[in-house]
């Protein structure tokens, strides 16, 4: 078994998408922690477990991806965050400087984004 290189918290309210994202991350050699809400993600982030990157959907009930990112940064200021969205432009005039990747995402594009984000942190 290959030792995972990163622990990535993936958040999506669509269970099938989350399963697919986790499988892709694992195929890339990473460990995926899957949750289906911002509240679940915040509970993990408030703990002391290793999380190297947060990969979150934008459109979710409760906390959207931008709100989750803001609260996650309060808990872990240096945590890289990648926003996943099916929107060409974020709805409702939402603006962010967070890096984004579109749905559906290709494995190669996801790997490149992860490398950029983790490399920027190092």
PDB file of N, CA and C in Angstrom:
ATOM      1  N   UNK A   1       0.830  -1.198   0.000  1.00  0.00           N
ATOM      2  CA  UNK A   1       0.000   0.000   0.000  1.00  0.00           C
ATOM      3  C   UNK A   1       0.867   1.251   0.000  1.00  0.00           C
ATOM      4  N   UNK A   2       0.488   2.215  -0.814  1.00  0.00           N
ATOM      5  CA  UNK A   2       1.223   3.478  -0.901  1.00  0.00           C
ATOM      6  C   UNK A   2       0.785   4.374   0.248  1.00  0.00           C
ATOM      7  N   UNK A   3       1.751   4.965   0.934  1.00  0.00           N
ATOM      8  CA  UNK A   3       1.449   5.893   2.024  1.00  0.00           C
ATOM      9  C   UNK A   3       0.864   7.181   1.432  1.00  0.00           C
ATOM     10  N   UNK A   4      -0.306   7.617   1.918  1.00  0.00           N
ATOM     11  CA  UNK A   4      -0.900   8.850   1.381  1.00  0.00           C
ATOM     12  C   UNK A   4       0.026  10.037   1.613  1.00  0.00           C
ATOM     13  N   UNK A   5       0.086  10.928   0.647  1.00  0.00           N
ATOM     14  CA  UNK A   5       0.967  12.071   0.807  1.00  0.00           C
ATOM     15  C   UNK A   5       0.282  13.238   1.502  1.00  0.00           C
ATOM     16  N   UNK A   6      -1.041  13.376   1.376  1.00  0.00           N
ATOM     17  CA  UNK A   6      -1.769  14.460   2.034  1.00  0.00           C
ATOM     18  C   UNK A   6      -3.070  13.928   2.605  1.00  0.00           C
ATOM     19  N   UNK A   7      -3.545  14.581   3.641  1.00  0.00           N
ATOM     20  CA  UNK A   7      -4.880  14.311   4.159  1.00  0.00           C
ATOM     21  C   UNK A   7      -5.752  15.476   3.718  1.00  0.00           C
ATOM     22  N   UNK A   8      -6.772  15.173   2.919  1.00  0.00           N
ATOM     23  CA  UNK A   8      -7.609  16.209   2.317  1.00  0.00           C
ATOM     24  C   UNK A   8      -9.040  16.037   2.798  1.00  0.00           C
ATOM     25  N   UNK A   9      -9.587  17.112   3.367  1.00  0.00           N
ATOM     26  CA  UNK A   9     -10.971  17.136   3.814  1.00  0.00           C
ATOM     27  C   UNK A   9     -11.831  17.580   2.645  1.00  0.00           C
ATOM     28  N   UNK A  10     -12.741  16.710   2.214  1.00  0.00           N
ATOM     29  CA  UNK A  10     -13.605  17.016   1.084  1.00  0.00           C
ATOM     30  C   UNK A  10     -15.037  17.181   1.573  1.00  0.00           C
ATOM     31  N   UNK A  11     -15.668  18.297   1.172  1.00  0.00           N
ATOM     32  CA  UNK A  11     -17.001  18.652   1.650  1.00  0.00           C
ATOM     33  C   UNK A  11     -17.926  18.848   0.456  1.00  0.00           C
ATOM     34  N   UNK A  12     -18.978  18.032   0.406  1.00  0.00           N
ATOM     35  CA  UNK A  12     -19.994  18.182  -0.632  1.00  0.00           C
ATOM     36  C   UNK A  12     -21.278  17.561  -0.117  1.00  0.00           C
ATOM     37  N   UNK A  13     -22.390  18.269  -0.272  1.00  0.00           N
ATOM     38  CA  UNK A  13     -23.670  17.748   0.204  1.00  0.00           C
ATOM     39  C   UNK A  13     -24.225  16.652  -0.697  1.00  0.00           C
ATOM     40  N   UNK A  14     -23.675  16.475  -1.888  1.00  0.00           N
ATOM     41  CA  UNK A  14     -24.069  15.396  -2.789  1.00  0.00           C
ATOM     42  C   UNK A  14     -23.166  14.193  -2.516  1.00  0.00           C
ATOM     43  N   UNK A  15     -23.745  13.163  -1.917  1.00  0.00           N
ATOM     44  CA  UNK A  15     -22.976  12.000  -1.487  1.00  0.00           C
ATOM     45  C   UNK A  15     -22.220  11.354  -2.645  1.00  0.00           C
ATOM     46  N   UNK A  16     -22.857  11.221  -3.797  1.00  0.00           N
ATOM     47  CA  UNK A  16     -22.201  10.569  -4.933  1.00  0.00           C
ATOM     48  C   UNK A  16     -21.005  11.370  -5.437  1.00  0.00           C
ATOM     49  N   UNK A  17     -21.152  12.677  -5.461  1.00  0.00           N
ATOM     50  CA  UNK A  17     -20.018  13.513  -5.877  1.00  0.00           C
ATOM     51  C   UNK A  17     -18.890  13.400  -4.864  1.00  0.00           C
ATOM     52  N   UNK A  18     -19.230  13.392  -3.588  1.00  0.00           N
ATOM     53  CA  UNK A  18     -18.211  13.281  -2.547  1.00  0.00           C
ATOM     54  C   UNK A  18     -17.476  11.946  -2.641  1.00  0.00           C
ATOM     55  N   UNK A  19     -18.205  10.870  -2.907  1.00  0.00           N
ATOM     56  CA  UNK A  19     -17.579   9.560  -3.067  1.00  0.00           C
ATOM     57  C   UNK A  19     -16.622   9.577  -4.256  1.00  0.00           C
ATOM     58  N   UNK A  20     -17.071  10.165  -5.363  1.00  0.00           N
ATOM     59  CA  UNK A  20     -16.217  10.252  -6.553  1.00  0.00           C
ATOM     60  C   UNK A  20     -14.978  11.096  -6.326  1.00  0.00           C
ATOM     61  N   UNK A  21     -15.150  12.208  -5.629  1.00  0.00           N
ATOM     62  CA  UNK A  21     -14.008  13.079  -5.329  1.00  0.00           C
ATOM     63  C   UNK A  21     -13.016  12.350  -4.436  1.00  0.00           C
ATOM     64  N   UNK A  22     -13.526  11.679  -3.409  1.00  0.00           N
ATOM     65  CA  UNK A  22     -12.644  10.934  -2.505  1.00  0.00           C
ATOM     66  C   UNK A  22     -11.894   9.840  -3.259  1.00  0.00           C
ATOM     67  N   UNK A  23     -12.576   9.142  -4.147  1.00  0.00           N
ATOM     68  CA  UNK A  23     -11.927   8.089  -4.936  1.00  0.00           C
ATOM     69  C   UNK A  23     -10.820   8.673  -5.807  1.00  0.00           C
ATOM     70  N   UNK A  24     -11.087   9.823  -6.408  1.00  0.00           N
ATOM     71  CA  UNK A  24     -10.070  10.478  -7.235  1.00  0.00           C
ATOM     72  C   UNK A  24      -8.863  10.869  -6.391  1.00  0.00           C
ATOM     73  N   UNK A  25      -9.124  11.442  -5.223  1.00  0.00           N
ATOM     74  CA  UNK A  25      -8.021  11.828  -4.329  1.00  0.00           C
ATOM     75  C   UNK A  25      -7.194  10.618  -3.912  1.00  0.00           C
ATOM     76  N   UNK A  26      -7.880   9.527  -3.597  1.00  0.00           N
ATOM     77  CA  UNK A  26      -7.170   8.313  -3.207  1.00  0.00           C
ATOM     78  C   UNK A  26      -6.373   7.740  -4.373  1.00  0.00           C
ATOM     79  N   UNK A  27      -6.924   7.820  -5.586  1.00  0.00           N
ATOM     80  CA  UNK A  27      -6.179   7.390  -6.776  1.00  0.00           C
ATOM     81  C   UNK A  27      -4.914   8.228  -6.963  1.00  0.00           C
ATOM     82  N   UNK A  28      -4.964   9.473  -6.521  1.00  0.00           N
ATOM     83  CA  UNK A  28      -3.806  10.366  -6.618  1.00  0.00           C
ATOM     84  C   UNK A  28      -2.813  10.149  -5.476  1.00  0.00           C
ATOM     85  N   UNK A  29      -3.159   9.229  -4.556  1.00  0.00           N
ATOM     86  CA  UNK A  29      -2.242   8.910  -3.465  1.00  0.00           C
ATOM     87  C   UNK A  29      -2.508   9.644  -2.172  1.00  0.00           C
ATOM     88  N   UNK A  30      -3.650  10.300  -2.064  1.00  0.00           N
ATOM     89  CA  UNK A  30      -3.970  11.059  -0.866  1.00  0.00           C
ATOM     90  C   UNK A  30      -4.995  10.326  -0.005  1.00  0.00           C
ATOM     91  N   UNK A  31      -5.130  10.767   1.225  1.00  0.00           N
ATOM     92  CA  UNK A  31      -6.156  10.254   2.133  1.00  0.00           C
ATOM     93  C   UNK A  31      -7.296  11.263   2.128  1.00  0.00           C
ATOM     94  N   UNK A  32      -8.506  10.791   1.888  1.00  0.00           N
ATOM     95  CA  UNK A  32      -9.673  11.675   1.834  1.00  0.00           C
ATOM     96  C   UNK A  32     -10.525  11.493   3.085  1.00  0.00           C
ATOM     97  N   UNK A  33     -10.909  12.604   3.687  1.00  0.00           N
ATOM     98  CA  UNK A  33     -11.883  12.625   4.771  1.00  0.00           C
ATOM     99  C   UNK A  33     -13.141  13.242   4.187  1.00  0.00           C
ATOM    100  N   UNK A  34     -14.222  12.476   4.106  1.00  0.00           N
ATOM    101  CA  UNK A  34     -15.455  12.940   3.469  1.00  0.00           C
ATOM    102  C   UNK A  34     -16.479  13.387   4.501  1.00  0.00           C
ATOM    103  N   UNK A  35     -17.001  14.591   4.315  1.00  0.00           N
ATOM    104  CA  UNK A  35     -18.139  15.062   5.102  1.00  0.00           C
ATOM    105  C   UNK A  35     -19.131  15.716   4.154  1.00  0.00           C
ATOM    106  N   UNK A  36     -20.378  15.842   4.625  1.00  0.00           N
ATOM    107  CA  UNK A  36     -21.433  16.338   3.733  1.00  0.00           C
ATOM    108  C   UNK A  36     -21.962  17.713   4.108  1.00  0.00           C
ATOM    109  N   UNK A  37     -21.335  18.377   5.080  1.00  0.00           N
ATOM    110  CA  UNK A  37     -21.797  19.720   5.447  1.00  0.00           C
ATOM    111  C   UNK A  37     -20.651  20.554   6.003  1.00  0.00           C
ATOM    112  N   UNK A  38     -20.864  21.848   5.959  1.00  0.00           N
ATOM    113  CA  UNK A  38     -19.888  22.758   6.535  1.00  0.00           C
ATOM    114  C   UNK A  38     -19.722  22.555   8.025  1.00  0.00           C
ATOM    115  N   UNK A  39     -20.816  22.282   8.718  1.00  0.00           N
ATOM    116  CA  UNK A  39     -20.739  22.060  10.159  1.00  0.00           C
ATOM    117  C   UNK A  39     -19.877  20.842  10.494  1.00  0.00           C
ATOM    118  N   UNK A  40     -20.039  19.759   9.719  1.00  0.00           N
ATOM    119  CA  UNK A  40     -19.209  18.573   9.944  1.00  0.00           C
ATOM    120  C   UNK A  40     -17.735  18.890   9.684  1.00  0.00           C
ATOM    121  N   UNK A  41     -17.474  19.663   8.645  1.00  0.00           N
ATOM    122  CA  UNK A  41     -16.097  20.041   8.321  1.00  0.00           C
ATOM    123  C   UNK A  41     -15.490  20.869   9.446  1.00  0.00           C
ATOM    124  N   UNK A  42     -16.257  21.825   9.966  1.00  0.00           N
ATOM    125  CA  UNK A  42     -15.748  22.672  11.045  1.00  0.00           C
ATOM    126  C   UNK A  42     -15.444  21.861  12.298  1.00  0.00           C
ATOM    127  N   UNK A  43     -16.256  20.849  12.573  1.00  0.00           N
ATOM    128  CA  UNK A  43     -15.997  19.997  13.736  1.00  0.00           C
ATOM    129  C   UNK A  43     -14.648  19.287  13.581  1.00  0.00           C
ATOM    130  N   UNK A  44     -14.357  18.781  12.387  1.00  0.00           N
ATOM    131  CA  UNK A  44     -13.056  18.141  12.162  1.00  0.00           C
ATOM    132  C   UNK A  44     -11.914  19.152  12.232  1.00  0.00           C
ATOM    133  N   UNK A  45     -12.137  20.313  11.647  1.00  0.00           N
ATOM    134  CA  UNK A  45     -11.094  21.337  11.641  1.00  0.00           C
ATOM    135  C   UNK A  45     -10.805  21.880  13.042  1.00  0.00           C
ATOM    136  N   UNK A  46     -11.790  21.828  13.920  1.00  0.00           N
ATOM    137  CA  UNK A  46     -11.601  22.293  15.297  1.00  0.00           C
ATOM    138  C   UNK A  46     -10.769  21.302  16.113  1.00  0.00           C
ATOM    139  N   UNK A  47     -10.683  20.068  15.635  1.00  0.00           N
ATOM    140  CA  UNK A  47      -9.869  19.062  16.313  1.00  0.00           C
ATOM    141  C   UNK A  47      -8.400  19.246  15.972  1.00  0.00           C
ATOM    142  N   UNK A  48      -7.606  18.311  16.440  1.00  0.00           N
ATOM    143  CA  UNK A  48      -6.166  18.438  16.193  1.00  0.00           C
ATOM    144  C   UNK A  48      -5.656  17.413  15.181  1.00  0.00           C
ATOM    145  N   UNK A  49      -6.583  16.757  14.471  1.00  0.00           N
ATOM    146  CA  UNK A  49      -6.172  15.803  13.452  1.00  0.00           C
ATOM    147  C   UNK A  49      -5.513  16.490  12.270  1.00  0.00           C
ATOM    148  N   UNK A  50      -4.639  15.759  11.583  1.00  0.00           N
ATOM    149  CA  UNK A  50      -3.952  16.359  10.434  1.00  0.00           C
ATOM    150  C   UNK A  50      -4.898  16.552   9.250  1.00  0.00           C
ATOM    151  N   UNK A  51      -4.944  17.765   8.759  1.00  0.00           N
ATOM    152  CA  UNK A  51      -5.678  18.086   7.530  1.00  0.00           C
ATOM    153  C   UNK A  51      -4.778  19.039   6.750  1.00  0.00           C
ATOM    154  N   UNK A  52      -4.395  18.614   5.559  1.00  0.00           N
ATOM    155  CA  UNK A  52      -3.452  19.393   4.762  1.00  0.00           C
ATOM    156  C   UNK A  52      -4.119  20.329   3.775  1.00  0.00           C
ATOM    157  N   UNK A  53      -5.393  20.049   3.443  1.00  0.00           N
ATOM    158  CA  UNK A  53      -6.081  20.855   2.448  1.00  0.00           C
ATOM    159  C   UNK A  53      -7.582  20.658   2.617  1.00  0.00           C
ATOM    160  N   UNK A  54      -8.345  21.726   2.390  1.00  0.00           N
ATOM    161  CA  UNK A  54      -9.802  21.677   2.404  1.00  0.00           C
ATOM    162  C   UNK A  54     -10.287  21.844   0.974  1.00  0.00           C
ATOM    163  N   UNK A  55     -11.082  20.886   0.521  1.00  0.00           N
ATOM    164  CA  UNK A  55     -11.670  20.896  -0.818  1.00  0.00           C
ATOM    165  C   UNK A  55     -13.175  20.967  -0.613  1.00  0.00           C
ATOM    166  N   UNK A  56     -13.780  22.126  -0.925  1.00  0.00           N
ATOM    167  CA  UNK A  56     -15.196  22.298  -0.616  1.00  0.00           C
ATOM    168  C   UNK A  56     -16.019  22.728  -1.821  1.00  0.00           C
ATOM    169  N   UNK A  57     -17.212  22.156  -1.885  1.00  0.00           N
ATOM    170  CA  UNK A  57     -18.203  22.586  -2.864  1.00  0.00           C
ATOM    171  C   UNK A  57     -18.627  24.011  -2.513  1.00  0.00           C
ATOM    172  N   UNK A  58     -19.067  24.760  -3.507  1.00  0.00           N
ATOM    173  CA  UNK A  58     -19.569  26.106  -3.234  1.00  0.00           C
ATOM    174  C   UNK A  58     -21.019  26.057  -2.784  1.00  0.00           C
ATOM    175  N   UNK A  59     -21.886  25.451  -3.583  1.00  0.00           N
ATOM    176  CA  UNK A  59     -23.329  25.493  -3.342  1.00  0.00           C
ATOM    177  C   UNK A  59     -23.753  24.345  -2.430  1.00  0.00           C
ATOM    178  N   UNK A  60     -23.971  24.681  -1.163  1.00  0.00           N
ATOM    179  CA  UNK A  60     -24.424  23.693  -0.185  1.00  0.00           C
ATOM    180  C   UNK A  60     -25.455  24.361   0.719  1.00  0.00           C
ATOM    181  N   UNK A  61     -26.405  23.581   1.230  1.00  0.00           N
ATOM    182  CA  UNK A  61     -27.335  24.152   2.204  1.00  0.00           C
ATOM    183  C   UNK A  61     -26.594  24.476   3.503  1.00  0.00           C
ATOM    184  N   UNK A  62     -27.144  25.400   4.272  1.00  0.00           N
ATOM    185  CA  UNK A  62     -26.442  25.812   5.487  1.00  0.00           C
ATOM    186  C   UNK A  62     -25.301  26.733   5.101  1.00  0.00           C
ATOM    187  N   UNK A  63     -24.094  26.336   5.429  1.00  0.00           N
ATOM    188  CA  UNK A  63     -22.914  27.117   5.054  1.00  0.00           C
ATOM    189  C   UNK A  63     -22.543  26.835   3.607  1.00  0.00           C
ATOM    190  N   UNK A  64     -22.386  27.875   2.798  1.00  0.00           N
ATOM    191  CA  UNK A  64     -21.856  27.626   1.457  1.00  0.00           C
ATOM    192  C   UNK A  64     -20.330  27.543   1.550  1.00  0.00           C
ATOM    193  N   UNK A  65     -19.692  27.231   0.445  1.00  0.00           N
ATOM    194  CA  UNK A  65     -18.247  27.050   0.453  1.00  0.00           C
ATOM    195  C   UNK A  65     -17.456  28.265   0.891  1.00  0.00           C
ATOM    196  N   UNK A  66     -17.925  29.465   0.535  1.00  0.00           N
ATOM    197  CA  UNK A  66     -17.215  30.676   0.950  1.00  0.00           C
ATOM    198  C   UNK A  66     -17.341  30.912   2.447  1.00  0.00           C
ATOM    199  N   UNK A  67     -18.526  30.671   2.980  1.00  0.00           N
ATOM    200  CA  UNK A  67     -18.724  30.824   4.425  1.00  0.00           C
ATOM    201  C   UNK A  67     -17.891  29.795   5.194  1.00  0.00           C
ATOM    202  N   UNK A  68     -17.877  28.573   4.683  1.00  0.00           N
ATOM    203  CA  UNK A  68     -17.059  27.534   5.299  1.00  0.00           C
ATOM    204  C   UNK A  68     -15.586  27.929   5.270  1.00  0.00           C
ATOM    205  N   UNK A  69     -15.120  28.424   4.147  1.00  0.00           N
ATOM    206  CA  UNK A  69     -13.716  28.825   4.021  1.00  0.00           C
ATOM    207  C   UNK A  69     -13.361  29.909   5.039  1.00  0.00           C
ATOM    208  N   UNK A  70     -14.243  30.871   5.212  1.00  0.00           N
ATOM    209  CA  UNK A  70     -13.989  31.953   6.168  1.00  0.00           C
ATOM    210  C   UNK A  70     -13.863  31.398   7.593  1.00  0.00           C
ATOM    211  N   UNK A  71     -14.763  30.515   7.961  1.00  0.00           N
ATOM    212  CA  UNK A  71     -14.728  29.930   9.310  1.00  0.00           C
ATOM    213  C   UNK A  71     -13.549  28.965   9.473  1.00  0.00           C
ATOM    214  N   UNK A  72     -13.211  28.261   8.399  1.00  0.00           N
ATOM    215  CA  UNK A  72     -12.068  27.346   8.446  1.00  0.00           C
ATOM    216  C   UNK A  72     -10.779  28.127   8.664  1.00  0.00           C
ATOM    217  N   UNK A  73     -10.649  29.266   8.014  1.00  0.00           N
ATOM    218  CA  UNK A  73      -9.443  30.098   8.165  1.00  0.00           C
ATOM    219  C   UNK A  73      -9.304  30.631   9.594  1.00  0.00           C
ATOM    220  N   UNK A  74     -10.442  30.842  10.273  1.00  0.00           N
ATOM    221  CA  UNK A  74     -10.384  31.276  11.669  1.00  0.00           C
ATOM    222  C   UNK A  74      -9.797  30.165  12.549  1.00  0.00           C
ATOM    223  N   UNK A  75     -10.057  28.919  12.176  1.00  0.00           N
ATOM    224  CA  UNK A  75      -9.550  27.781  12.948  1.00  0.00           C
ATOM    225  C   UNK A  75      -8.127  27.386  12.547  1.00  0.00           C
ATOM    226  N   UNK A  76      -7.862  27.440  11.265  1.00  0.00           N
ATOM    227  CA  UNK A  76      -6.554  27.034  10.727  1.00  0.00           C
ATOM    228  C   UNK A  76      -6.133  28.035   9.658  1.00  0.00           C
ATOM    229  N   UNK A  77      -5.519  29.117  10.084  1.00  0.00           N
ATOM    230  CA  UNK A  77      -5.215  30.219   9.158  1.00  0.00           C
ATOM    231  C   UNK A  77      -4.366  29.853   7.942  1.00  0.00           C
ATOM    232  N   UNK A  78      -3.519  28.851   8.053  1.00  0.00           N
ATOM    233  CA  UNK A  78      -2.621  28.505   6.946  1.00  0.00           C
ATOM    234  C   UNK A  78      -3.135  27.367   6.073  1.00  0.00           C
ATOM    235  N   UNK A  79      -4.366  26.916   6.322  1.00  0.00           N
ATOM    236  CA  UNK A  79      -4.905  25.783   5.584  1.00  0.00           C
ATOM    237  C   UNK A  79      -5.209  26.169   4.134  1.00  0.00           C
ATOM    238  N   UNK A  80      -4.623  25.477   3.165  1.00  0.00           N
ATOM    239  CA  UNK A  80      -4.991  25.729   1.768  1.00  0.00           C
ATOM    240  C   UNK A  80      -6.436  25.283   1.526  1.00  0.00           C
ATOM    241  N   UNK A  81      -7.166  26.072   0.745  1.00  0.00           N
ATOM    242  CA  UNK A  81      -8.574  25.781   0.469  1.00  0.00           C
ATOM    243  C   UNK A  81      -8.793  25.873  -1.038  1.00  0.00           C
ATOM    244  N   UNK A  82      -9.465  24.846  -1.568  1.00  0.00           N
ATOM    245  CA  UNK A  82      -9.812  24.807  -2.984  1.00  0.00           C
ATOM    246  C   UNK A  82     -11.331  24.735  -3.090  1.00  0.00           C
ATOM    247  N   UNK A  83     -11.904  25.691  -3.793  1.00  0.00           N
ATOM    248  CA  UNK A  83     -13.342  25.773  -3.977  1.00  0.00           C
ATOM    249  C   UNK A  83     -13.730  25.039  -5.259  1.00  0.00           C
ATOM    250  N   UNK A  84     -14.729  24.168  -5.144  1.00  0.00           N
ATOM    251  CA  UNK A  84     -15.219  23.408  -6.291  1.00  0.00           C
ATOM    252  C   UNK A  84     -16.594  23.955  -6.655  1.00  0.00           C
ATOM    253  N   UNK A  85     -16.794  24.285  -7.922  1.00  0.00           N
ATOM    254  CA  UNK A  85     -18.079  24.849  -8.316  1.00  0.00           C
ATOM    255  C   UNK A  85     -18.450  24.461  -9.738  1.00  0.00           C
ATOM    256  N   UNK A  86     -19.728  24.301  -9.935  1.00  0.00           N
ATOM    257  CA  UNK A  86     -20.241  24.058 -11.276  1.00  0.00           C
ATOM    258  C   UNK A  86     -20.621  25.351 -11.978  1.00  0.00           C
ATOM    259  N   UNK A  87     -20.475  26.468 -11.278  1.00  0.00           N
ATOM    260  CA  UNK A  87     -20.827  27.777 -11.833  1.00  0.00           C
ATOM    261  C   UNK A  87     -19.631  28.379 -12.568  1.00  0.00           C
ATOM    262  N   UNK A  88     -19.890  28.998 -13.734  1.00  0.00           N
ATOM    263  CA  UNK A  88     -18.843  29.749 -14.417  1.00  0.00           C
ATOM    264  C   UNK A  88     -18.464  30.971 -13.593  1.00  0.00           C
ATOM    265  N   UNK A  89     -19.468  31.637 -13.084  1.00  0.00           N
ATOM    266  CA  UNK A  89     -19.302  32.771 -12.173  1.00  0.00           C
ATOM    267  C   UNK A  89     -20.066  32.431 -10.905  1.00  0.00           C
ATOM    268  N   UNK A  90     -19.548  32.843  -9.778  1.00  0.00           N
ATOM    269  CA  UNK A  90     -20.249  32.564  -8.531  1.00  0.00           C
ATOM    270  C   UNK A  90     -21.551  33.349  -8.482  1.00  0.00           C
ATOM    271  N   UNK A  91     -22.625  32.729  -8.022  1.00  0.00           N
ATOM    272  CA  UNK A  91     -23.933  33.393  -8.007  1.00  0.00           C
ATOM    273  C   UNK A  91     -24.036  34.469  -6.933  1.00  0.00           C
ATOM    274  N   UNK A  92     -25.009  35.339  -7.114  1.00  0.00           N
ATOM    275  CA  UNK A  92     -25.323  36.337  -6.094  1.00  0.00           C
ATOM    276  C   UNK A  92     -24.234  37.356  -5.855  1.00  0.00           C
ATOM    277  N   UNK A  93     -23.393  37.581  -6.833  1.00  0.00           N
ATOM    278  CA  UNK A  93     -22.340  38.574  -6.670  1.00  0.00           C
ATOM    279  C   UNK A  93     -21.238  38.145  -5.723  1.00  0.00           C
ATOM    280  N   UNK A  94     -21.194  36.861  -5.373  1.00  0.00           N
ATOM    281  CA  UNK A  94     -20.152  36.371  -4.475  1.00  0.00           C
ATOM    282  C   UNK A  94     -18.787  36.541  -5.132  1.00  0.00           C
ATOM    283  N   UNK A  95     -17.843  36.998  -4.346  1.00  0.00           N
ATOM    284  CA  UNK A  95     -16.484  37.179  -4.849  1.00  0.00           C
ATOM    285  C   UNK A  95     -15.510  36.541  -3.883  1.00  0.00           C
ATOM    286  N   UNK A  96     -14.443  36.007  -4.431  1.00  0.00           N
ATOM    287  CA  UNK A  96     -13.422  35.391  -3.595  1.00  0.00           C
ATOM    288  C   UNK A  96     -12.104  35.350  -4.332  1.00  0.00           C
ATOM    289  N   UNK A  97     -11.047  35.295  -3.555  1.00  0.00           N
ATOM    290  CA  UNK A  97      -9.727  35.091  -4.147  1.00  0.00           C
ATOM    291  C   UNK A  97      -9.291  33.637  -3.993  1.00  0.00           C
ATOM    292  N   UNK A  98     -10.202  32.793  -3.501  1.00  0.00           N
ATOM    293  CA  UNK A  98      -9.878  31.376  -3.369  1.00  0.00           C
ATOM    294  C   UNK A  98      -9.684  30.748  -4.742  1.00  0.00           C
ATOM    295  N   UNK A  99      -8.721  29.865  -4.854  1.00  0.00           N
ATOM    296  CA  UNK A  99      -8.587  29.131  -6.114  1.00  0.00           C
ATOM    297  C   UNK A  99      -9.813  28.251  -6.321  1.00  0.00           C
ATOM    298  N   UNK A 100     -10.210  28.117  -7.576  1.00  0.00           N
ATOM    299  CA  UNK A 100     -11.412  27.338  -7.907  1.00  0.00           C
ATOM    300  C   UNK A 100     -11.096  26.308  -8.961  1.00  0.00           C
ATOM    301  N   UNK A 101     -11.883  25.242  -8.904  1.00  0.00           N
ATOM    302  CA  UNK A 101     -11.829  24.224  -9.942  1.00  0.00           C
ATOM    303  C   UNK A 101     -13.275  23.912 -10.303  1.00  0.00           C
ATOM    304  N   UNK A 102     -13.534  23.710 -11.587  1.00  0.00           N
ATOM    305  CA  UNK A 102     -14.890  23.493 -12.053  1.00  0.00           C
ATOM    306  C   UNK A 102     -15.321  22.034 -11.972  1.00  0.00           C
ATOM    307  N   UNK A 103     -16.629  21.870 -11.879  1.00  0.00           N
ATOM    308  CA  UNK A 103     -17.241  20.538 -11.957  1.00  0.00           C
ATOM    309  C   UNK A 103     -17.717  20.341 -13.386  1.00  0.00           C
ATOM    310  N   UNK A 104     -17.579  19.191 -13.935  1.00  0.00           N
ATOM    311  CA  UNK A 104     -16.839  18.061 -13.381  1.00  0.00           C
ATOM    312  C   UNK A 104     -15.340  18.319 -13.492  1.00  0.00           C
ATOM    313  N   UNK A 105     -14.590  17.790 -12.541  1.00  0.00           N
ATOM    314  CA  UNK A 105     -13.147  18.038 -12.545  1.00  0.00           C
ATOM    315  C   UNK A 105     -12.392  16.819 -13.035  1.00  0.00           C
ATOM    316  N   UNK A 106     -11.378  17.087 -13.790  1.00  0.00           N
ATOM    317  CA  UNK A 106     -10.511  16.017 -14.273  1.00  0.00           C
ATOM    318  C   UNK A 106      -9.446  15.733 -13.218  1.00  0.00           C
ATOM    319  N   UNK A 107      -9.064  14.493 -13.121  1.00  0.00           N
ATOM    320  CA  UNK A 107      -8.063  14.067 -12.143  1.00  0.00           C
ATOM    321  C   UNK A 107      -6.769  14.868 -12.280  1.00  0.00           C
ATOM    322  N   UNK A 108      -6.330  15.063 -13.514  1.00  0.00           N
ATOM    323  CA  UNK A 108      -5.081  15.795 -13.755  1.00  0.00           C
ATOM    324  C   UNK A 108      -5.196  17.248 -13.279  1.00  0.00           C
ATOM    325  N   UNK A 109      -6.340  17.890 -13.540  1.00  0.00           N
ATOM    326  CA  UNK A 109      -6.539  19.275 -13.103  1.00  0.00           C
ATOM    327  C   UNK A 109      -6.541  19.365 -11.576  1.00  0.00           C
ATOM    328  N   UNK A 110      -7.190  18.395 -10.940  1.00  0.00           N
ATOM    329  CA  UNK A 110      -7.222  18.375  -9.480  1.00  0.00           C
ATOM    330  C   UNK A 110      -5.814  18.189  -8.914  1.00  0.00           C
ATOM    331  N   UNK A 111      -5.062  17.275  -9.479  1.00  0.00           N
ATOM    332  CA  UNK A 111      -3.682  17.041  -9.024  1.00  0.00           C
ATOM    333  C   UNK A 111      -2.839  18.307  -9.163  1.00  0.00           C
ATOM    334  N   UNK A 112      -2.996  19.021 -10.270  1.00  0.00           N
ATOM    335  CA  UNK A 112      -2.234  20.254 -10.487  1.00  0.00           C
ATOM    336  C   UNK A 112      -2.604  21.331  -9.474  1.00  0.00           C
ATOM    337  N   UNK A 113      -3.902  21.485  -9.209  1.00  0.00           N
ATOM    338  CA  UNK A 113      -4.346  22.480  -8.229  1.00  0.00           C
ATOM    339  C   UNK A 113      -3.822  22.160  -6.829  1.00  0.00           C
ATOM    340  N   UNK A 114      -3.892  20.897  -6.461  1.00  0.00           N
ATOM    341  CA  UNK A 114      -3.379  20.482  -5.146  1.00  0.00           C
ATOM    342  C   UNK A 114      -1.903  20.785  -5.030  1.00  0.00           C
ATOM    343  N   UNK A 115      -1.137  20.447  -6.066  1.00  0.00           N
ATOM    344  CA  UNK A 115       0.308  20.701  -6.048  1.00  0.00           C
ATOM    345  C   UNK A 115       0.594  22.203  -5.924  1.00  0.00           C
ATOM    346  N   UNK A 116      -0.152  23.021  -6.636  1.00  0.00           N
ATOM    347  CA  UNK A 116       0.037  24.475  -6.552  1.00  0.00           C
ATOM    348  C   UNK A 116      -0.261  24.993  -5.145  1.00  0.00           C
ATOM    349  N   UNK A 117      -1.380  24.540  -4.574  1.00  0.00           N
ATOM    350  CA  UNK A 117      -1.780  25.033  -3.265  1.00  0.00           C
ATOM    351  C   UNK A 117      -0.838  24.594  -2.163  1.00  0.00           C
ATOM    352  N   UNK A 118      -0.451  23.344  -2.176  1.00  0.00           N
ATOM    353  CA  UNK A 118       0.433  22.841  -1.130  1.00  0.00           C
ATOM    354  C   UNK A 118       1.836  23.387  -1.313  1.00  0.00           C
ATOM    355  N   UNK A 119       2.237  23.548  -2.563  1.00  0.00           N
ATOM    356  CA  UNK A 119       3.557  24.144  -2.833  1.00  0.00           C
ATOM    357  C   UNK A 119       3.619  25.587  -2.394  1.00  0.00           C
ATOM    358  N   UNK A 120       2.499  26.322  -2.534  1.00  0.00           N
ATOM    359  CA  UNK A 120       2.456  27.728  -2.121  1.00  0.00           C
ATOM    360  C   UNK A 120       2.566  27.855  -0.611  1.00  0.00           C
ATOM    361  N   UNK A 121       2.085  26.846   0.096  1.00  0.00           N
ATOM    362  CA  UNK A 121       2.115  26.884   1.562  1.00  0.00           C
ATOM    363  C   UNK A 121       3.499  26.550   2.096  1.00  0.00           C
ATOM    364  N   UNK A 122       4.229  25.689   1.362  1.00  0.00           N
ATOM    365  CA  UNK A 122       5.523  25.195   1.863  1.00  0.00           C
ATOM    366  C   UNK A 122       6.584  26.269   1.922  1.00  0.00           C
TER     367      UNK A 122
END
